[in-house]
């Protein structure tokens, strides 16, 4: 009986995918049956319905579904094995989300989307799970607020030394609009995402957006910031700059915003970052221009007192990147430090 039902569902999915505009090869029967078995259980379908709104930890899902950790972990293992969900570790936490890089030309993602589309959004159980998800996010946002408030004074002192954030962001958007052919920036990765502000700024212009940071506490702040902004499809990863991802992800736009001045070897960092860019992709570097303000080194852990244009151009060239655009964000008649914006392209000569 189970196989008969799965065959019927497979035929249904086959006809659905035939109507899709893509002409990719469809999944084999065995793979489709495995996916349908994984999703076709009440608790696992509830998990998938929750994860469509963004990543959750195991403890989040335990609270939302009201089930024990071993039971939730068992369900998640089956979903990961079937390729429906992905998992990644942030310090002592493990987060799960719907797989956004499925193999077989996105057919798996279409199957999952089709099943979720068939769910009634006002179903009492689905509504209750969604309400509990909202409560979890509210609590997470409050914890992040308290964490960030404790550091706000020091952050304010540091940021007061350079041009204001809104001037830098406006200059960055202007540079991207001028240098790139399309308003859709494609797949984006933000190196050292911090509070997630670059993701918040650019998510509406992306197909996929990933934030990397080596500080698990900052990732929790970023997650709460993005939750509050209603941005739930961003992928946040706990990763080191020099070993950013376990797989060979490549991105149309790689951003490194106010990170290089904390590093002893920014040239090596640019080499590592360049490997994340696709051929023809863009690396956007935003950092302080060269200055002599030792306060930032002594009180705020800056290792480098900014960079000049020649330094960045040389390091980019050595990493296989060609500078295509350079812009300086500054405030006229102000003693605040200027911020440089460099856009470099990978794999194409000037």
C-alpha atoms as a PDB file:
ATOM      1  CA  UNK A   1       0.000   0.000   0.000  1.00  0.00           C
ATOM      2  CA  UNK A   2       2.785   2.430   0.971  1.00  0.00           C
ATOM      3  CA  UNK A   3       4.597   1.841  -2.327  1.00  0.00           C
ATOM      4  CA  UNK A   4       1.349   2.296  -4.272  1.00  0.00           C
ATOM      5  CA  UNK A   5       0.724   5.632  -2.556  1.00  0.00           C
ATOM      6  CA  UNK A   6       4.312   6.728  -3.183  1.00  0.00           C
ATOM      7  CA  UNK A   7       3.992   5.773  -6.863  1.00  0.00           C
ATOM      8  CA  UNK A   8       0.796   7.810  -7.121  1.00  0.00           C
ATOM      9  CA  UNK A   9       2.478  10.780  -5.431  1.00  0.00           C
ATOM     10  CA  UNK A  10       5.455  10.410  -7.721  1.00  0.00           C
ATOM     11  CA  UNK A  11       3.197  10.541 -10.794  1.00  0.00           C
ATOM     12  CA  UNK A  12       1.521  13.646  -9.335  1.00  0.00           C
ATOM     13  CA  UNK A  13       4.894  15.312  -8.700  1.00  0.00           C
ATOM     14  CA  UNK A  14       6.129  14.233 -12.151  1.00  0.00           C
ATOM     15  CA  UNK A  15       3.177  15.928 -13.841  1.00  0.00           C
ATOM     16  CA  UNK A  16       3.636  19.024 -11.647  1.00  0.00           C
ATOM     17  CA  UNK A  17       7.291  19.300 -12.586  1.00  0.00           C
ATOM     18  CA  UNK A  18       6.534  18.757 -16.281  1.00  0.00           C
ATOM     19  CA  UNK A  19       4.390  21.890 -16.119  1.00  0.00           C
ATOM     20  CA  UNK A  20       7.280  23.891 -14.628  1.00  0.00           C
ATOM     21  CA  UNK A  21       9.145  26.175 -17.037  1.00  0.00           C
ATOM     22  CA  UNK A  22      12.443  24.376 -16.375  1.00  0.00           C
ATOM     23  CA  UNK A  23      13.389  21.397 -18.538  1.00  0.00           C
ATOM     24  CA  UNK A  24      15.842  19.765 -16.128  1.00  0.00           C
ATOM     25  CA  UNK A  25      15.904  16.009 -15.650  1.00  0.00           C
ATOM     26  CA  UNK A  26      13.387  14.790 -13.090  1.00  0.00           C
ATOM     27  CA  UNK A  27      14.352  12.818 -10.011  1.00  0.00           C
ATOM     28  CA  UNK A  28      14.451   9.010 -10.153  1.00  0.00           C
ATOM     29  CA  UNK A  29      11.605   7.121  -8.487  1.00  0.00           C
ATOM     30  CA  UNK A  30      13.718   5.887  -5.540  1.00  0.00           C
ATOM     31  CA  UNK A  31      14.934   9.403  -4.676  1.00  0.00           C
ATOM     32  CA  UNK A  32      11.430  10.822  -4.867  1.00  0.00           C
ATOM     33  CA  UNK A  33      10.029   8.041  -2.668  1.00  0.00           C
ATOM     34  CA  UNK A  34      12.753   8.752  -0.069  1.00  0.00           C
ATOM     35  CA  UNK A  35      11.857  12.449  -0.042  1.00  0.00           C
ATOM     36  CA  UNK A  36       8.119  11.777   0.250  1.00  0.00           C
ATOM     37  CA  UNK A  37       8.681   9.259   3.058  1.00  0.00           C
ATOM     38  CA  UNK A  38      10.818  11.779   4.927  1.00  0.00           C
ATOM     39  CA  UNK A  39       8.235  14.569   4.690  1.00  0.00           C
ATOM     40  CA  UNK A  40       5.153  12.335   4.842  1.00  0.00           C
ATOM     41  CA  UNK A  41       4.946  12.045   8.638  1.00  0.00           C
ATOM     42  CA  UNK A  42       3.038  14.591  10.767  1.00  0.00           C
ATOM     43  CA  UNK A  43       5.895  15.766  12.979  1.00  0.00           C
ATOM     44  CA  UNK A  44       8.372  15.974  10.108  1.00  0.00           C
ATOM     45  CA  UNK A  45       5.894  17.864   7.947  1.00  0.00           C
ATOM     46  CA  UNK A  46       5.404  20.305  10.832  1.00  0.00           C
ATOM     47  CA  UNK A  47       9.182  20.725  11.083  1.00  0.00           C
ATOM     48  CA  UNK A  48       9.440  21.440   7.360  1.00  0.00           C
ATOM     49  CA  UNK A  49       6.558  23.932   7.632  1.00  0.00           C
ATOM     50  CA  UNK A  50       8.375  25.742  10.448  1.00  0.00           C
ATOM     51  CA  UNK A  51      11.728  25.761   8.641  1.00  0.00           C
ATOM     52  CA  UNK A  52      10.246  27.446   5.589  1.00  0.00           C
ATOM     53  CA  UNK A  53      10.232  30.577   7.781  1.00  0.00           C
ATOM     54  CA  UNK A  54      13.964  30.337   8.542  1.00  0.00           C
ATOM     55  CA  UNK A  55      16.581  28.303  10.375  1.00  0.00           C
ATOM     56  CA  UNK A  56      15.975  26.901  13.863  1.00  0.00           C
ATOM     57  CA  UNK A  57      18.083  25.107  16.430  1.00  0.00           C
ATOM     58  CA  UNK A  58      17.134  21.711  17.863  1.00  0.00           C
ATOM     59  CA  UNK A  59      16.062  23.373  21.119  1.00  0.00           C
ATOM     60  CA  UNK A  60      13.873  25.830  19.144  1.00  0.00           C
ATOM     61  CA  UNK A  61      12.111  22.956  17.416  1.00  0.00           C
ATOM     62  CA  UNK A  62      11.678  21.043  20.681  1.00  0.00           C
ATOM     63  CA  UNK A  63       9.865  24.046  22.136  1.00  0.00           C
ATOM     64  CA  UNK A  64       7.799  24.725  19.015  1.00  0.00           C
ATOM     65  CA  UNK A  65       6.633  21.137  18.507  1.00  0.00           C
ATOM     66  CA  UNK A  66       6.511  20.248  22.205  1.00  0.00           C
ATOM     67  CA  UNK A  67       8.598  17.117  21.696  1.00  0.00           C
ATOM     68  CA  UNK A  68      11.743  15.713  23.280  1.00  0.00           C
ATOM     69  CA  UNK A  69      15.238  16.375  21.983  1.00  0.00           C
ATOM     70  CA  UNK A  70      15.903  12.732  20.965  1.00  0.00           C
ATOM     71  CA  UNK A  71      12.658  12.583  19.019  1.00  0.00           C
ATOM     72  CA  UNK A  72      13.261  15.895  17.223  1.00  0.00           C
ATOM     73  CA  UNK A  73      16.850  14.875  16.459  1.00  0.00           C
ATOM     74  CA  UNK A  74      15.648  11.600  14.955  1.00  0.00           C
ATOM     75  CA  UNK A  75      13.167  13.419  12.711  1.00  0.00           C
ATOM     76  CA  UNK A  76      15.822  15.904  11.639  1.00  0.00           C
ATOM     77  CA  UNK A  77      18.301  13.145  10.824  1.00  0.00           C
ATOM     78  CA  UNK A  78      15.785  11.574   8.446  1.00  0.00           C
ATOM     79  CA  UNK A  79      15.086  14.924   6.782  1.00  0.00           C
ATOM     80  CA  UNK A  80      18.803  15.646   6.376  1.00  0.00           C
ATOM     81  CA  UNK A  81      19.498  12.155   5.005  1.00  0.00           C
ATOM     82  CA  UNK A  82      16.753  12.653   2.404  1.00  0.00           C
ATOM     83  CA  UNK A  83      18.270  15.989   1.379  1.00  0.00           C
ATOM     84  CA  UNK A  84      15.244  18.006   2.469  1.00  0.00           C
ATOM     85  CA  UNK A  85      17.079  19.861   5.256  1.00  0.00           C
ATOM     86  CA  UNK A  86      20.622  21.061   5.848  1.00  0.00           C
ATOM     87  CA  UNK A  87      22.468  21.363   9.157  1.00  0.00           C
ATOM     88  CA  UNK A  88      25.378  23.466  10.397  1.00  0.00           C
ATOM     89  CA  UNK A  89      27.041  24.083  13.737  1.00  0.00           C
ATOM     90  CA  UNK A  90      27.460  27.423  15.529  1.00  0.00           C
ATOM     91  CA  UNK A  91      29.558  26.806  18.621  1.00  0.00           C
ATOM     92  CA  UNK A  92      27.547  24.474  20.834  1.00  0.00           C
ATOM     93  CA  UNK A  93      24.362  24.954  18.775  1.00  0.00           C
ATOM     94  CA  UNK A  94      23.294  23.104  15.635  1.00  0.00           C
ATOM     95  CA  UNK A  95      20.914  24.903  13.265  1.00  0.00           C
ATOM     96  CA  UNK A  96      18.695  23.357  10.610  1.00  0.00           C
ATOM     97  CA  UNK A  97      17.066  24.862   7.570  1.00  0.00           C
ATOM     98  CA  UNK A  98      15.457  23.813   4.305  1.00  0.00           C
ATOM     99  CA  UNK A  99      18.119  22.789   1.807  1.00  0.00           C
ATOM    100  CA  UNK A 100      18.678  25.710  -0.552  1.00  0.00           C
ATOM    101  CA  UNK A 101      21.362  24.075  -2.661  1.00  0.00           C
ATOM    102  CA  UNK A 102      19.664  20.860  -3.688  1.00  0.00           C
ATOM    103  CA  UNK A 103      21.245  18.572  -6.198  1.00  0.00           C
ATOM    104  CA  UNK A 104      19.416  17.408  -9.339  1.00  0.00           C
ATOM    105  CA  UNK A 105      18.772  20.928 -10.620  1.00  0.00           C
ATOM    106  CA  UNK A 106      16.438  22.151  -7.896  1.00  0.00           C
ATOM    107  CA  UNK A 107      13.836  19.408  -8.354  1.00  0.00           C
ATOM    108  CA  UNK A 108      14.038  18.509  -4.659  1.00  0.00           C
ATOM    109  CA  UNK A 109      13.336  22.115  -3.738  1.00  0.00           C
ATOM    110  CA  UNK A 110      10.326  22.137  -6.066  1.00  0.00           C
ATOM    111  CA  UNK A 111       8.908  18.995  -4.460  1.00  0.00           C
ATOM    112  CA  UNK A 112       9.247  20.501  -0.987  1.00  0.00           C
ATOM    113  CA  UNK A 113       7.714  23.778  -2.151  1.00  0.00           C
ATOM    114  CA  UNK A 114       4.798  21.980  -3.816  1.00  0.00           C
ATOM    115  CA  UNK A 115       4.001  20.046  -0.634  1.00  0.00           C
ATOM    116  CA  UNK A 116       4.202  23.173   1.528  1.00  0.00           C
ATOM    117  CA  UNK A 117       1.998  25.052  -0.942  1.00  0.00           C
ATOM    118  CA  UNK A 118      -0.684  22.416  -0.424  1.00  0.00           C
ATOM    119  CA  UNK A 119      -0.812  23.067   3.339  1.00  0.00           C
ATOM    120  CA  UNK A 120      -3.576  25.352   4.559  1.00  0.00           C
ATOM    121  CA  UNK A 121      -1.893  28.256   6.354  1.00  0.00           C
ATOM    122  CA  UNK A 122      -4.793  28.555   8.809  1.00  0.00           C
ATOM    123  CA  UNK A 123      -4.637  24.925   9.911  1.00  0.00           C
ATOM    124  CA  UNK A 124      -4.785  25.058  13.755  1.00  0.00           C
ATOM    125  CA  UNK A 125      -1.605  23.019  14.219  1.00  0.00           C
ATOM    126  CA  UNK A 126       0.340  25.019  11.633  1.00  0.00           C
ATOM    127  CA  UNK A 127      -0.887  28.271  13.159  1.00  0.00           C
ATOM    128  CA  UNK A 128       0.071  27.148  16.670  1.00  0.00           C
ATOM    129  CA  UNK A 129       3.573  26.154  15.515  1.00  0.00           C
ATOM    130  CA  UNK A 130       3.966  29.500  13.774  1.00  0.00           C
ATOM    131  CA  UNK A 131       2.893  31.364  16.919  1.00  0.00           C
ATOM    132  CA  UNK A 132       5.428  29.454  19.021  1.00  0.00           C
ATOM    133  CA  UNK A 133       8.113  30.201  16.414  1.00  0.00           C
ATOM    134  CA  UNK A 134       7.271  33.900  16.767  1.00  0.00           C
ATOM    135  CA  UNK A 135       7.597  33.630  20.570  1.00  0.00           C
ATOM    136  CA  UNK A 136      11.003  31.936  20.241  1.00  0.00           C
ATOM    137  CA  UNK A 137      12.204  34.706  17.943  1.00  0.00           C
ATOM    138  CA  UNK A 138      10.896  37.393  20.285  1.00  0.00           C
ATOM    139  CA  UNK A 139      12.823  35.913  23.181  1.00  0.00           C
ATOM    140  CA  UNK A 140      15.949  35.602  21.032  1.00  0.00           C
ATOM    141  CA  UNK A 141      15.633  39.250  19.990  1.00  0.00           C
ATOM    142  CA  UNK A 142      15.338  40.376  23.611  1.00  0.00           C
ATOM    143  CA  UNK A 143      18.462  38.428  24.595  1.00  0.00           C
ATOM    144  CA  UNK A 144      20.379  39.914  21.677  1.00  0.00           C
ATOM    145  CA  UNK A 145      19.178  43.402  22.610  1.00  0.00           C
ATOM    146  CA  UNK A 146      20.546  43.025  26.139  1.00  0.00           C
ATOM    147  CA  UNK A 147      23.844  41.677  24.794  1.00  0.00           C
ATOM    148  CA  UNK A 148      24.244  44.507  22.301  1.00  0.00           C
ATOM    149  CA  UNK A 149      23.123  47.166  24.789  1.00  0.00           C
ATOM    150  CA  UNK A 150      25.981  46.142  27.080  1.00  0.00           C
ATOM    151  CA  UNK A 151      28.433  46.903  24.266  1.00  0.00           C
ATOM    152  CA  UNK A 152      26.655  49.889  22.754  1.00  0.00           C
ATOM    153  CA  UNK A 153      28.801  52.525  24.468  1.00  0.00           C
ATOM    154  CA  UNK A 154      32.077  50.988  23.260  1.00  0.00           C
ATOM    155  CA  UNK A 155      30.617  50.462  19.785  1.00  0.00           C
ATOM    156  CA  UNK A 156      29.463  54.075  19.694  1.00  0.00           C
ATOM    157  CA  UNK A 157      32.927  55.340  20.654  1.00  0.00           C
ATOM    158  CA  UNK A 158      34.551  53.282  17.908  1.00  0.00           C
ATOM    159  CA  UNK A 159      32.092  54.201  15.163  1.00  0.00           C
ATOM    160  CA  UNK A 160      32.304  57.900  16.042  1.00  0.00           C
ATOM    161  CA  UNK A 161      35.844  57.975  14.634  1.00  0.00           C
ATOM    162  CA  UNK A 162      34.756  57.387  11.024  1.00  0.00           C
ATOM    163  CA  UNK A 163      32.049  58.644   8.698  1.00  0.00           C
ATOM    164  CA  UNK A 164      28.527  57.677   9.661  1.00  0.00           C
ATOM    165  CA  UNK A 165      27.023  54.350   8.709  1.00  0.00           C
ATOM    166  CA  UNK A 166      24.301  55.793   6.480  1.00  0.00           C
ATOM    167  CA  UNK A 167      26.890  57.644   4.361  1.00  0.00           C
ATOM    168  CA  UNK A 168      28.926  54.446   3.904  1.00  0.00           C
ATOM    169  CA  UNK A 169      25.855  52.384   3.049  1.00  0.00           C
ATOM    170  CA  UNK A 170      24.627  54.969   0.562  1.00  0.00           C
ATOM    171  CA  UNK A 171      28.059  55.040  -1.104  1.00  0.00           C
ATOM    172  CA  UNK A 172      28.189  51.236  -1.248  1.00  0.00           C
ATOM    173  CA  UNK A 173      24.749  50.976  -2.870  1.00  0.00           C
ATOM    174  CA  UNK A 174      25.729  53.681  -5.345  1.00  0.00           C
ATOM    175  CA  UNK A 175      28.955  51.852  -6.211  1.00  0.00           C
ATOM    176  CA  UNK A 176      27.152  48.533  -6.720  1.00  0.00           C
ATOM    177  CA  UNK A 177      24.476  50.162  -8.871  1.00  0.00           C
ATOM    178  CA  UNK A 178      27.117  51.856 -11.009  1.00  0.00           C
ATOM    179  CA  UNK A 179      29.476  48.918 -11.402  1.00  0.00           C
ATOM    180  CA  UNK A 180      27.147  45.933 -11.739  1.00  0.00           C
ATOM    181  CA  UNK A 181      24.867  45.355 -14.736  1.00  0.00           C
ATOM    182  CA  UNK A 182      21.792  44.171 -12.847  1.00  0.00           C
ATOM    183  CA  UNK A 183      19.880  45.294  -9.773  1.00  0.00           C
ATOM    184  CA  UNK A 184      19.673  41.597  -8.818  1.00  0.00           C
ATOM    185  CA  UNK A 185      23.027  40.847  -7.180  1.00  0.00           C
ATOM    186  CA  UNK A 186      22.537  37.066  -7.337  1.00  0.00           C
ATOM    187  CA  UNK A 187      24.130  34.942  -4.605  1.00  0.00           C
ATOM    188  CA  UNK A 188      25.786  37.015  -1.870  1.00  0.00           C
ATOM    189  CA  UNK A 189      28.094  36.097   1.015  1.00  0.00           C
ATOM    190  CA  UNK A 190      28.936  38.589   3.780  1.00  0.00           C
ATOM    191  CA  UNK A 191      32.284  37.856   5.467  1.00  0.00           C
ATOM    192  CA  UNK A 192      32.373  38.820   9.155  1.00  0.00           C
ATOM    193  CA  UNK A 193      28.678  39.620   9.098  1.00  0.00           C
ATOM    194  CA  UNK A 194      28.629  40.952  12.687  1.00  0.00           C
ATOM    195  CA  UNK A 195      25.153  42.315  13.387  1.00  0.00           C
ATOM    196  CA  UNK A 196      23.951  41.243   9.928  1.00  0.00           C
ATOM    197  CA  UNK A 197      23.549  44.805   8.720  1.00  0.00           C
ATOM    198  CA  UNK A 198      24.943  44.126   5.208  1.00  0.00           C
ATOM    199  CA  UNK A 199      22.481  41.246   4.820  1.00  0.00           C
ATOM    200  CA  UNK A 200      19.650  43.524   5.939  1.00  0.00           C
ATOM    201  CA  UNK A 201      20.777  46.147   3.411  1.00  0.00           C
ATOM    202  CA  UNK A 202      21.127  43.823   0.406  1.00  0.00           C
ATOM    203  CA  UNK A 203      18.765  40.894   0.961  1.00  0.00           C
ATOM    204  CA  UNK A 204      16.044  42.355  -1.273  1.00  0.00           C
ATOM    205  CA  UNK A 205      18.542  42.420  -4.152  1.00  0.00           C
ATOM    206  CA  UNK A 206      19.705  38.803  -3.845  1.00  0.00           C
ATOM    207  CA  UNK A 207      18.699  35.278  -4.805  1.00  0.00           C
ATOM    208  CA  UNK A 208      20.577  33.788  -1.856  1.00  0.00           C
ATOM    209  CA  UNK A 209      22.420  35.482   1.001  1.00  0.00           C
ATOM    210  CA  UNK A 210      24.863  33.906   3.465  1.00  0.00           C
ATOM    211  CA  UNK A 211      26.532  35.540   6.481  1.00  0.00           C
ATOM    212  CA  UNK A 212      29.755  34.150   7.952  1.00  0.00           C
ATOM    213  CA  UNK A 213      31.266  35.052  11.314  1.00  0.00           C
ATOM    214  CA  UNK A 214      33.767  33.386  13.644  1.00  0.00           C
ATOM    215  CA  UNK A 215      32.014  34.830  16.716  1.00  0.00           C
ATOM    216  CA  UNK A 216      29.020  32.721  17.753  1.00  0.00           C
ATOM    217  CA  UNK A 217      27.710  35.494  20.033  1.00  0.00           C
ATOM    218  CA  UNK A 218      27.616  37.949  17.134  1.00  0.00           C
ATOM    219  CA  UNK A 219      25.782  35.407  15.011  1.00  0.00           C
ATOM    220  CA  UNK A 220      23.076  35.269  17.668  1.00  0.00           C
ATOM    221  CA  UNK A 221      22.840  39.067  17.472  1.00  0.00           C
ATOM    222  CA  UNK A 222      22.662  38.865  13.660  1.00  0.00           C
ATOM    223  CA  UNK A 223      19.977  36.199  13.793  1.00  0.00           C
ATOM    224  CA  UNK A 224      17.836  38.317  16.111  1.00  0.00           C
ATOM    225  CA  UNK A 225      18.439  41.455  14.027  1.00  0.00           C
ATOM    226  CA  UNK A 226      17.344  39.719  10.839  1.00  0.00           C
ATOM    227  CA  UNK A 227      14.362  38.084  12.547  1.00  0.00           C
ATOM    228  CA  UNK A 228      13.197  41.527  13.699  1.00  0.00           C
ATOM    229  CA  UNK A 229      13.605  42.851  10.156  1.00  0.00           C
ATOM    230  CA  UNK A 230      11.493  39.993   8.782  1.00  0.00           C
ATOM    231  CA  UNK A 231      14.448  38.468   6.914  1.00  0.00           C
ATOM    232  CA  UNK A 232      14.184  34.724   7.497  1.00  0.00           C
ATOM    233  CA  UNK A 233      15.805  33.189   4.419  1.00  0.00           C
ATOM    234  CA  UNK A 234      19.347  34.366   5.195  1.00  0.00           C
ATOM    235  CA  UNK A 235      21.824  31.601   6.017  1.00  0.00           C
ATOM    236  CA  UNK A 236      24.121  32.367   8.961  1.00  0.00           C
ATOM    237  CA  UNK A 237      27.248  30.254   9.400  1.00  0.00           C
ATOM    238  CA  UNK A 238      29.821  29.967  12.160  1.00  0.00           C
ATOM    239  CA  UNK A 239      33.013  29.882  10.096  1.00  0.00           C
ATOM    240  CA  UNK A 240      36.590  31.090  10.099  1.00  0.00           C
ATOM    241  CA  UNK A 241      37.634  33.579   7.452  1.00  0.00           C
ATOM    242  CA  UNK A 242      40.432  31.342   6.174  1.00  0.00           C
ATOM    243  CA  UNK A 243      38.261  28.213   6.045  1.00  0.00           C
ATOM    244  CA  UNK A 244      34.869  29.786   5.417  1.00  0.00           C
ATOM    245  CA  UNK A 245      32.810  26.868   4.120  1.00  0.00           C
ATOM    246  CA  UNK A 246      33.116  23.108   3.927  1.00  0.00           C
ATOM    247  CA  UNK A 247      31.900  22.929   0.360  1.00  0.00           C
ATOM    248  CA  UNK A 248      32.872  24.763  -2.789  1.00  0.00           C
ATOM    249  CA  UNK A 249      30.237  27.481  -2.653  1.00  0.00           C
ATOM    250  CA  UNK A 250      30.811  30.322  -5.078  1.00  0.00           C
ATOM    251  CA  UNK A 251      29.050  33.652  -5.041  1.00  0.00           C
ATOM    252  CA  UNK A 252      28.265  36.474  -7.432  1.00  0.00           C
ATOM    253  CA  UNK A 253      29.066  39.037  -4.740  1.00  0.00           C
ATOM    254  CA  UNK A 254      31.437  38.631  -1.764  1.00  0.00           C
ATOM    255  CA  UNK A 255      31.372  41.438   0.812  1.00  0.00           C
ATOM    256  CA  UNK A 256      34.022  42.075   3.458  1.00  0.00           C
ATOM    257  CA  UNK A 257      32.822  45.081   5.441  1.00  0.00           C
ATOM    258  CA  UNK A 258      35.023  46.666   8.140  1.00  0.00           C
ATOM    259  CA  UNK A 259      36.899  43.417   8.773  1.00  0.00           C
ATOM    260  CA  UNK A 260      40.388  43.688   7.259  1.00  0.00           C
ATOM    261  CA  UNK A 261      41.662  46.263   9.782  1.00  0.00           C
ATOM    262  CA  UNK A 262      41.295  43.665  12.573  1.00  0.00           C
ATOM    263  CA  UNK A 263      43.659  41.222  10.830  1.00  0.00           C
ATOM    264  CA  UNK A 264      47.417  40.778  10.927  1.00  0.00           C
ATOM    265  CA  UNK A 265      47.456  39.491   7.338  1.00  0.00           C
ATOM    266  CA  UNK A 266      44.753  41.215   5.288  1.00  0.00           C
ATOM    267  CA  UNK A 267      46.520  40.160   2.074  1.00  0.00           C
ATOM    268  CA  UNK A 268      46.008  36.492   2.969  1.00  0.00           C
ATOM    269  CA  UNK A 269      42.395  37.262   3.846  1.00  0.00           C
ATOM    270  CA  UNK A 270      41.753  38.710   0.391  1.00  0.00           C
ATOM    271  CA  UNK A 271      43.236  35.571  -1.184  1.00  0.00           C
ATOM    272  CA  UNK A 272      40.901  33.401   0.904  1.00  0.00           C
ATOM    273  CA  UNK A 273      37.918  35.618   0.156  1.00  0.00           C
ATOM    274  CA  UNK A 274      38.606  35.560  -3.588  1.00  0.00           C
ATOM    275  CA  UNK A 275      38.096  31.794  -3.641  1.00  0.00           C
ATOM    276  CA  UNK A 276      34.458  32.325  -2.716  1.00  0.00           C
ATOM    277  CA  UNK A 277      33.801  34.481  -5.782  1.00  0.00           C
ATOM    278  CA  UNK A 278      32.565  32.849  -8.968  1.00  0.00           C
ATOM    279  CA  UNK A 279      34.394  33.527 -12.212  1.00  0.00           C
ATOM    280  CA  UNK A 280      33.371  37.052 -13.176  1.00  0.00           C
ATOM    281  CA  UNK A 281      31.970  37.596  -9.676  1.00  0.00           C
ATOM    282  CA  UNK A 282      32.588  40.708  -7.583  1.00  0.00           C
ATOM    283  CA  UNK A 283      34.417  41.173  -4.287  1.00  0.00           C
ATOM    284  CA  UNK A 284      33.354  44.328  -2.395  1.00  0.00           C
ATOM    285  CA  UNK A 285      35.842  45.563   0.205  1.00  0.00           C
ATOM    286  CA  UNK A 286      34.696  48.278   2.607  1.00  0.00           C
ATOM    287  CA  UNK A 287      37.252  49.547   5.117  1.00  0.00           C
ATOM    288  CA  UNK A 288      38.934  52.581   6.581  1.00  0.00           C
ATOM    289  CA  UNK A 289      41.278  54.583   4.419  1.00  0.00           C
ATOM    290  CA  UNK A 290      44.852  54.905   5.777  1.00  0.00           C
ATOM    291  CA  UNK A 291      44.973  57.109   8.890  1.00  0.00           C
ATOM    292  CA  UNK A 292      47.058  57.806  12.008  1.00  0.00           C
ATOM    293  CA  UNK A 293      44.475  57.485  14.771  1.00  0.00           C
ATOM    294  CA  UNK A 294      46.249  55.226  17.274  1.00  0.00           C
ATOM    295  CA  UNK A 295      43.201  55.251  19.555  1.00  0.00           C
ATOM    296  CA  UNK A 296      41.580  52.651  17.323  1.00  0.00           C
ATOM    297  CA  UNK A 297      44.569  50.371  17.726  1.00  0.00           C
ATOM    298  CA  UNK A 298      44.959  50.862  21.470  1.00  0.00           C
ATOM    299  CA  UNK A 299      41.292  50.834  22.547  1.00  0.00           C
ATOM    300  CA  UNK A 300      39.427  48.978  19.825  1.00  0.00           C
ATOM    301  CA  UNK A 301      41.785  46.162  18.759  1.00  0.00           C
ATOM    302  CA  UNK A 302      42.455  47.476  15.234  1.00  0.00           C
ATOM    303  CA  UNK A 303      45.606  45.790  13.879  1.00  0.00           C
ATOM    304  CA  UNK A 304      45.874  48.023  10.817  1.00  0.00           C
ATOM    305  CA  UNK A 305      45.332  51.767  10.647  1.00  0.00           C
ATOM    306  CA  UNK A 306      43.358  51.641   7.442  1.00  0.00           C
ATOM    307  CA  UNK A 307      44.575  51.019   3.889  1.00  0.00           C
ATOM    308  CA  UNK A 308      45.578  53.050   0.889  1.00  0.00           C
ATOM    309  CA  UNK A 309      44.350  52.411  -2.618  1.00  0.00           C
ATOM    310  CA  UNK A 310      47.648  50.926  -3.811  1.00  0.00           C
ATOM    311  CA  UNK A 311      47.727  48.355  -0.998  1.00  0.00           C
ATOM    312  CA  UNK A 312      44.255  47.067  -1.772  1.00  0.00           C
ATOM    313  CA  UNK A 313      44.889  47.067  -5.541  1.00  0.00           C
ATOM    314  CA  UNK A 314      48.117  45.056  -5.144  1.00  0.00           C
ATOM    315  CA  UNK A 315      46.569  42.490  -2.786  1.00  0.00           C
ATOM    316  CA  UNK A 316      43.563  42.085  -5.088  1.00  0.00           C
ATOM    317  CA  UNK A 317      45.776  41.636  -8.151  1.00  0.00           C
ATOM    318  CA  UNK A 318      47.816  38.973  -6.347  1.00  0.00           C
ATOM    319  CA  UNK A 319      44.564  37.169  -5.510  1.00  0.00           C
ATOM    320  CA  UNK A 320      43.388  37.143  -9.133  1.00  0.00           C
ATOM    321  CA  UNK A 321      41.062  40.116  -8.722  1.00  0.00           C
ATOM    322  CA  UNK A 322      40.982  43.280 -10.810  1.00  0.00           C
ATOM    323  CA  UNK A 323      39.831  46.538  -9.216  1.00  0.00           C
ATOM    324  CA  UNK A 324      36.911  47.859 -11.268  1.00  0.00           C
ATOM    325  CA  UNK A 325      35.716  50.652  -9.014  1.00  0.00           C
ATOM    326  CA  UNK A 326      37.076  52.691  -6.105  1.00  0.00           C
ATOM    327  CA  UNK A 327      35.088  55.205  -4.126  1.00  0.00           C
ATOM    328  CA  UNK A 328      35.706  57.096  -0.887  1.00  0.00           C
ATOM    329  CA  UNK A 329      32.914  57.847   1.574  1.00  0.00           C
ATOM    330  CA  UNK A 330      33.754  60.998   3.507  1.00  0.00           C
ATOM    331  CA  UNK A 331      32.159  63.913   5.293  1.00  0.00           C
ATOM    332  CA  UNK A 332      33.232  67.359   4.041  1.00  0.00           C
ATOM    333  CA  UNK A 333      34.665  69.663   6.713  1.00  0.00           C
ATOM    334  CA  UNK A 334      34.771  66.818   9.208  1.00  0.00           C
ATOM    335  CA  UNK A 335      37.668  65.199  11.026  1.00  0.00           C
ATOM    336  CA  UNK A 336      36.018  61.777  10.849  1.00  0.00           C
ATOM    337  CA  UNK A 337      38.007  59.091   9.069  1.00  0.00           C
ATOM    338  CA  UNK A 338      37.145  58.317   5.450  1.00  0.00           C
ATOM    339  CA  UNK A 339      35.987  54.875   4.360  1.00  0.00           C
ATOM    340  CA  UNK A 340      37.089  53.270   1.102  1.00  0.00           C
ATOM    341  CA  UNK A 341      34.934  51.078  -1.113  1.00  0.00           C
ATOM    342  CA  UNK A 342      36.682  48.831  -3.615  1.00  0.00           C
ATOM    343  CA  UNK A 343      34.869  46.594  -6.119  1.00  0.00           C
ATOM    344  CA  UNK A 344      37.077  43.937  -7.690  1.00  0.00           C
ATOM    345  CA  UNK A 345      36.169  41.391 -10.344  1.00  0.00           C
ATOM    346  CA  UNK A 346      37.488  37.855 -10.441  1.00  0.00           C
ATOM    347  CA  UNK A 347      38.976  36.238 -13.520  1.00  0.00           C
ATOM    348  CA  UNK A 348      38.628  38.998 -16.083  1.00  0.00           C
ATOM    349  CA  UNK A 349      41.264  41.421 -17.265  1.00  0.00           C
ATOM    350  CA  UNK A 350      40.685  45.141 -17.158  1.00  0.00           C
END
